[in-house]
């Protein structure tokens, strides 16, 4: 078992450019200290310099990092594309082992909107439409049915507010240390 009855685990999934990192940053900004961000891209690309593939070491590192932060008393947001077929078992295990409330969200953005949003990113010149289309998986929901789907029509602030309220983070104090 990991975390406590008081810790919150939030899993944010969705395709590239769906807004996951922006929502995670908004949650951190709203909550303050005591909320750990466990980003797939950071651990996979920056820490390990790995490609996303089945069985890759970053899957275990995401799991270990989230568990460590929960055990240290942090609320945790795990965010990334986190394909269901590659990360589903790890996320199901993390959910099952977490003592506190766990909430999953899937940011559902159509491919046309993904292209528009992607054009504003720093990697837009490196990752072309063909590669983006290869990565795109429509409604790649986890099989356990534990995710709330949030559509592209939900503005960033609206999504952050919804998650803050749904998870109870809006009512919890930030760390003062």
C-alpha atoms as a PDB file:
ATOM      1  CA  UNK A   1       0.000   0.000   0.000  1.00  0.00           C
ATOM      2  CA  UNK A   2       1.175   3.549  -0.740  1.00  0.00           C
ATOM      3  CA  UNK A   3       0.303   7.020   0.419  1.00  0.00           C
ATOM      4  CA  UNK A   4      -2.284   7.671   3.071  1.00  0.00           C
ATOM      5  CA  UNK A   5      -6.026   8.143   3.237  1.00  0.00           C
ATOM      6  CA  UNK A   6      -5.361  11.879   2.904  1.00  0.00           C
ATOM      7  CA  UNK A   7      -3.149  11.808  -0.198  1.00  0.00           C
ATOM      8  CA  UNK A   8      -4.724  12.344  -3.603  1.00  0.00           C
ATOM      9  CA  UNK A   9      -3.558  10.649  -6.791  1.00  0.00           C
ATOM     10  CA  UNK A  10      -4.596  12.271 -10.063  1.00  0.00           C
ATOM     11  CA  UNK A  11      -3.810  10.657 -13.428  1.00  0.00           C
ATOM     12  CA  UNK A  12      -4.046  12.948 -16.484  1.00  0.00           C
ATOM     13  CA  UNK A  13      -3.901  11.180 -19.848  1.00  0.00           C
ATOM     14  CA  UNK A  14      -4.513  12.179 -23.440  1.00  0.00           C
ATOM     15  CA  UNK A  15      -2.899  12.577 -26.810  1.00  0.00           C
ATOM     16  CA  UNK A  16      -0.068  14.939 -27.592  1.00  0.00           C
ATOM     17  CA  UNK A  17      -1.106  18.605 -27.304  1.00  0.00           C
ATOM     18  CA  UNK A  18      -4.305  17.754 -25.415  1.00  0.00           C
ATOM     19  CA  UNK A  19      -3.377  20.086 -22.549  1.00  0.00           C
ATOM     20  CA  UNK A  20      -2.111  17.590 -19.948  1.00  0.00           C
ATOM     21  CA  UNK A  21       1.012  19.524 -18.961  1.00  0.00           C
ATOM     22  CA  UNK A  22      -0.875  22.824 -18.852  1.00  0.00           C
ATOM     23  CA  UNK A  23      -3.565  21.320 -16.620  1.00  0.00           C
ATOM     24  CA  UNK A  24      -0.923  19.746 -14.355  1.00  0.00           C
ATOM     25  CA  UNK A  25       0.886  23.094 -14.073  1.00  0.00           C
ATOM     26  CA  UNK A  26      -2.443  24.801 -13.330  1.00  0.00           C
ATOM     27  CA  UNK A  27      -3.160  22.308 -10.556  1.00  0.00           C
ATOM     28  CA  UNK A  28       0.291  22.922  -9.057  1.00  0.00           C
ATOM     29  CA  UNK A  29      -0.184  26.693  -9.255  1.00  0.00           C
ATOM     30  CA  UNK A  30      -3.626  26.517  -7.637  1.00  0.00           C
ATOM     31  CA  UNK A  31      -2.634  24.055  -4.902  1.00  0.00           C
ATOM     32  CA  UNK A  32       0.908  25.175  -4.058  1.00  0.00           C
ATOM     33  CA  UNK A  33       3.485  23.152  -2.112  1.00  0.00           C
ATOM     34  CA  UNK A  34       2.686  19.528  -1.458  1.00  0.00           C
ATOM     35  CA  UNK A  35       1.618  18.560  -4.973  1.00  0.00           C
ATOM     36  CA  UNK A  36       4.166  16.484  -6.906  1.00  0.00           C
ATOM     37  CA  UNK A  37       4.098  16.464 -10.716  1.00  0.00           C
ATOM     38  CA  UNK A  38       5.221  13.152 -12.203  1.00  0.00           C
ATOM     39  CA  UNK A  39       5.512  13.859 -15.915  1.00  0.00           C
ATOM     40  CA  UNK A  40       5.991  11.035 -18.397  1.00  0.00           C
ATOM     41  CA  UNK A  41       7.917  13.282 -20.807  1.00  0.00           C
ATOM     42  CA  UNK A  42      10.301  14.481 -18.104  1.00  0.00           C
ATOM     43  CA  UNK A  43      11.121  11.015 -16.785  1.00  0.00           C
ATOM     44  CA  UNK A  44      11.228   9.349 -20.191  1.00  0.00           C
ATOM     45  CA  UNK A  45      12.894  12.026 -22.330  1.00  0.00           C
ATOM     46  CA  UNK A  46      14.979  14.031 -19.866  1.00  0.00           C
ATOM     47  CA  UNK A  47      15.906  11.609 -17.071  1.00  0.00           C
ATOM     48  CA  UNK A  48      16.275   8.384 -19.081  1.00  0.00           C
ATOM     49  CA  UNK A  49      16.550   9.683 -22.675  1.00  0.00           C
ATOM     50  CA  UNK A  50      14.382   6.751 -23.834  1.00  0.00           C
ATOM     51  CA  UNK A  51      11.873   6.140 -26.596  1.00  0.00           C
ATOM     52  CA  UNK A  52       8.301   5.286 -25.615  1.00  0.00           C
ATOM     53  CA  UNK A  53       7.926   1.561 -26.153  1.00  0.00           C
ATOM     54  CA  UNK A  54       6.271  -1.377 -24.407  1.00  0.00           C
ATOM     55  CA  UNK A  55       8.186  -2.484 -21.325  1.00  0.00           C
ATOM     56  CA  UNK A  56      10.512   0.537 -21.331  1.00  0.00           C
ATOM     57  CA  UNK A  57      12.235   1.438 -18.049  1.00  0.00           C
ATOM     58  CA  UNK A  58      10.374   4.738 -17.754  1.00  0.00           C
ATOM     59  CA  UNK A  59       7.155   2.871 -16.916  1.00  0.00           C
ATOM     60  CA  UNK A  60       8.678   1.549 -13.693  1.00  0.00           C
ATOM     61  CA  UNK A  61      10.316   4.894 -12.947  1.00  0.00           C
ATOM     62  CA  UNK A  62       6.966   6.697 -13.218  1.00  0.00           C
ATOM     63  CA  UNK A  63       5.462   4.124 -10.841  1.00  0.00           C
ATOM     64  CA  UNK A  64       8.331   4.370  -8.329  1.00  0.00           C
ATOM     65  CA  UNK A  65       8.368   8.173  -8.414  1.00  0.00           C
ATOM     66  CA  UNK A  66       4.617   8.429  -7.829  1.00  0.00           C
ATOM     67  CA  UNK A  67       4.764   5.874  -5.001  1.00  0.00           C
ATOM     68  CA  UNK A  68       7.704   7.627  -3.343  1.00  0.00           C
ATOM     69  CA  UNK A  69       5.981  11.015  -3.449  1.00  0.00           C
ATOM     70  CA  UNK A  70       2.705   9.552  -2.106  1.00  0.00           C
ATOM     71  CA  UNK A  71       4.574   7.828   0.732  1.00  0.00           C
ATOM     72  CA  UNK A  72       6.274  11.143   1.527  1.00  0.00           C
ATOM     73  CA  UNK A  73       2.835  12.708   1.983  1.00  0.00           C
ATOM     74  CA  UNK A  74       2.587  14.542  -1.341  1.00  0.00           C
ATOM     75  CA  UNK A  75      -0.520  14.605  -3.475  1.00  0.00           C
ATOM     76  CA  UNK A  76       0.566  13.353  -6.911  1.00  0.00           C
ATOM     77  CA  UNK A  77      -0.380  14.218 -10.481  1.00  0.00           C
ATOM     78  CA  UNK A  78       0.880  11.652 -13.010  1.00  0.00           C
ATOM     79  CA  UNK A  79       0.577  13.101 -16.499  1.00  0.00           C
ATOM     80  CA  UNK A  80       1.427  11.953 -19.978  1.00  0.00           C
ATOM     81  CA  UNK A  81       0.139  10.274 -23.101  1.00  0.00           C
ATOM     82  CA  UNK A  82       0.463   7.034 -21.114  1.00  0.00           C
ATOM     83  CA  UNK A  83      -0.937   4.695 -23.777  1.00  0.00           C
ATOM     84  CA  UNK A  84      -3.422   2.272 -22.210  1.00  0.00           C
ATOM     85  CA  UNK A  85      -1.727  -0.845 -23.614  1.00  0.00           C
ATOM     86  CA  UNK A  86       1.724   0.169 -22.295  1.00  0.00           C
ATOM     87  CA  UNK A  87       0.926   1.919 -19.025  1.00  0.00           C
ATOM     88  CA  UNK A  88      -2.474   0.468 -18.085  1.00  0.00           C
ATOM     89  CA  UNK A  89      -1.169  -2.313 -15.835  1.00  0.00           C
ATOM     90  CA  UNK A  90       1.171   0.030 -13.983  1.00  0.00           C
ATOM     91  CA  UNK A  91      -1.595   2.617 -13.494  1.00  0.00           C
ATOM     92  CA  UNK A  92      -4.058  -0.057 -12.330  1.00  0.00           C
ATOM     93  CA  UNK A  93      -1.517  -1.300  -9.772  1.00  0.00           C
ATOM     94  CA  UNK A  94      -0.829   2.211  -8.552  1.00  0.00           C
ATOM     95  CA  UNK A  95      -4.566   2.886  -8.233  1.00  0.00           C
ATOM     96  CA  UNK A  96      -5.120  -0.392  -6.355  1.00  0.00           C
ATOM     97  CA  UNK A  97      -2.244   0.246  -3.953  1.00  0.00           C
ATOM     98  CA  UNK A  98      -3.038   3.892  -3.186  1.00  0.00           C
ATOM     99  CA  UNK A  99      -4.750   4.263   0.209  1.00  0.00           C
ATOM    100  CA  UNK A 100      -6.360   7.608  -0.617  1.00  0.00           C
ATOM    101  CA  UNK A 101      -8.702   8.812  -3.347  1.00  0.00           C
ATOM    102  CA  UNK A 102      -7.527   8.309  -6.928  1.00  0.00           C
ATOM    103  CA  UNK A 103      -9.002  10.197  -9.878  1.00  0.00           C
ATOM    104  CA  UNK A 104      -8.333   9.617 -13.563  1.00  0.00           C
ATOM    105  CA  UNK A 105      -8.965  12.080 -16.400  1.00  0.00           C
ATOM    106  CA  UNK A 106      -8.637  11.638 -20.131  1.00  0.00           C
ATOM    107  CA  UNK A 107      -8.324  14.869 -22.136  1.00  0.00           C
ATOM    108  CA  UNK A 108     -10.123  14.078 -25.373  1.00  0.00           C
ATOM    109  CA  UNK A 109      -9.031  16.368 -28.194  1.00  0.00           C
ATOM    110  CA  UNK A 110      -9.810  15.646 -31.874  1.00  0.00           C
ATOM    111  CA  UNK A 111      -6.844  15.268 -34.211  1.00  0.00           C
ATOM    112  CA  UNK A 112      -7.553  18.553 -36.046  1.00  0.00           C
ATOM    113  CA  UNK A 113      -7.356  20.428 -32.731  1.00  0.00           C
ATOM    114  CA  UNK A 114      -4.226  18.471 -31.806  1.00  0.00           C
ATOM    115  CA  UNK A 115      -2.563  19.781 -34.993  1.00  0.00           C
ATOM    116  CA  UNK A 116      -3.565  23.366 -34.198  1.00  0.00           C
ATOM    117  CA  UNK A 117      -2.261  23.154 -30.640  1.00  0.00           C
ATOM    118  CA  UNK A 118       0.894  21.307 -31.676  1.00  0.00           C
ATOM    119  CA  UNK A 119       1.817  24.144 -34.059  1.00  0.00           C
ATOM    120  CA  UNK A 120       2.328  26.408 -31.009  1.00  0.00           C
ATOM    121  CA  UNK A 121       4.775  24.043 -29.269  1.00  0.00           C
ATOM    122  CA  UNK A 122       8.579  24.319 -29.360  1.00  0.00           C
ATOM    123  CA  UNK A 123       8.848  20.860 -30.961  1.00  0.00           C
ATOM    124  CA  UNK A 124       6.520  21.770 -33.843  1.00  0.00           C
ATOM    125  CA  UNK A 125       9.472  22.041 -36.248  1.00  0.00           C
ATOM    126  CA  UNK A 126      10.859  18.671 -35.155  1.00  0.00           C
ATOM    127  CA  UNK A 127       7.648  16.606 -34.993  1.00  0.00           C
ATOM    128  CA  UNK A 128       5.668  16.769 -38.221  1.00  0.00           C
ATOM    129  CA  UNK A 129       2.024  15.914 -38.927  1.00  0.00           C
ATOM    130  CA  UNK A 130       2.848  12.363 -40.042  1.00  0.00           C
ATOM    131  CA  UNK A 131       4.601  11.532 -36.784  1.00  0.00           C
ATOM    132  CA  UNK A 132       1.858  13.215 -34.772  1.00  0.00           C
ATOM    133  CA  UNK A 133      -0.745  11.147 -36.631  1.00  0.00           C
ATOM    134  CA  UNK A 134       1.251   7.970 -35.835  1.00  0.00           C
ATOM    135  CA  UNK A 135       1.176   8.865 -32.120  1.00  0.00           C
ATOM    136  CA  UNK A 136      -2.513   9.803 -32.073  1.00  0.00           C
ATOM    137  CA  UNK A 137      -4.926   7.258 -30.571  1.00  0.00           C
ATOM    138  CA  UNK A 138      -8.550   8.363 -30.408  1.00  0.00           C
ATOM    139  CA  UNK A 139     -10.150   7.803 -26.965  1.00  0.00           C
ATOM    140  CA  UNK A 140      -7.392   5.508 -25.698  1.00  0.00           C
ATOM    141  CA  UNK A 141      -9.268   4.955 -22.444  1.00  0.00           C
ATOM    142  CA  UNK A 142      -8.148   2.578 -19.728  1.00  0.00           C
ATOM    143  CA  UNK A 143     -10.257  -0.600 -19.705  1.00  0.00           C
ATOM    144  CA  UNK A 144     -11.278  -0.247 -16.042  1.00  0.00           C
ATOM    145  CA  UNK A 145     -13.646   2.645 -16.834  1.00  0.00           C
ATOM    146  CA  UNK A 146     -12.159   4.843 -14.123  1.00  0.00           C
ATOM    147  CA  UNK A 147     -11.436   7.931 -16.197  1.00  0.00           C
ATOM    148  CA  UNK A 148     -13.525  11.052 -16.571  1.00  0.00           C
ATOM    149  CA  UNK A 149     -13.391  12.245 -20.180  1.00  0.00           C
ATOM    150  CA  UNK A 150     -12.926  15.993 -20.600  1.00  0.00           C
ATOM    151  CA  UNK A 151     -13.512  17.321 -24.097  1.00  0.00           C
ATOM    152  CA  UNK A 152     -11.637  19.948 -26.061  1.00  0.00           C
ATOM    153  CA  UNK A 153     -14.365  22.494 -25.307  1.00  0.00           C
ATOM    154  CA  UNK A 154     -13.343  22.701 -21.656  1.00  0.00           C
ATOM    155  CA  UNK A 155     -11.077  25.742 -21.185  1.00  0.00           C
ATOM    156  CA  UNK A 156      -7.861  25.334 -19.186  1.00  0.00           C
ATOM    157  CA  UNK A 157      -9.118  27.200 -16.105  1.00  0.00           C
ATOM    158  CA  UNK A 158     -12.421  25.330 -16.228  1.00  0.00           C
ATOM    159  CA  UNK A 159     -10.607  21.981 -16.361  1.00  0.00           C
ATOM    160  CA  UNK A 160      -8.268  22.903 -13.506  1.00  0.00           C
ATOM    161  CA  UNK A 161     -11.200  24.078 -11.388  1.00  0.00           C
ATOM    162  CA  UNK A 162     -13.172  20.908 -12.098  1.00  0.00           C
ATOM    163  CA  UNK A 163     -10.275  18.661 -11.084  1.00  0.00           C
ATOM    164  CA  UNK A 164      -9.554  20.731  -7.966  1.00  0.00           C
ATOM    165  CA  UNK A 165     -13.184  20.293  -6.888  1.00  0.00           C
ATOM    166  CA  UNK A 166     -13.605  16.637  -7.984  1.00  0.00           C
ATOM    167  CA  UNK A 167     -10.478  15.490  -6.148  1.00  0.00           C
ATOM    168  CA  UNK A 168     -11.010  17.558  -3.018  1.00  0.00           C
ATOM    169  CA  UNK A 169      -7.713  19.381  -3.546  1.00  0.00           C
ATOM    170  CA  UNK A 170      -9.594  22.711  -3.440  1.00  0.00           C
ATOM    171  CA  UNK A 171     -10.483  22.050   0.206  1.00  0.00           C
ATOM    172  CA  UNK A 172      -7.032  20.863   1.345  1.00  0.00           C
ATOM    173  CA  UNK A 173      -4.248  23.078   2.677  1.00  0.00           C
ATOM    174  CA  UNK A 174      -0.923  23.367   0.875  1.00  0.00           C
ATOM    175  CA  UNK A 175       2.292  22.499   2.753  1.00  0.00           C
ATOM    176  CA  UNK A 176       3.602  25.343   4.845  1.00  0.00           C
ATOM    177  CA  UNK A 177       7.184  24.061   5.162  1.00  0.00           C
END
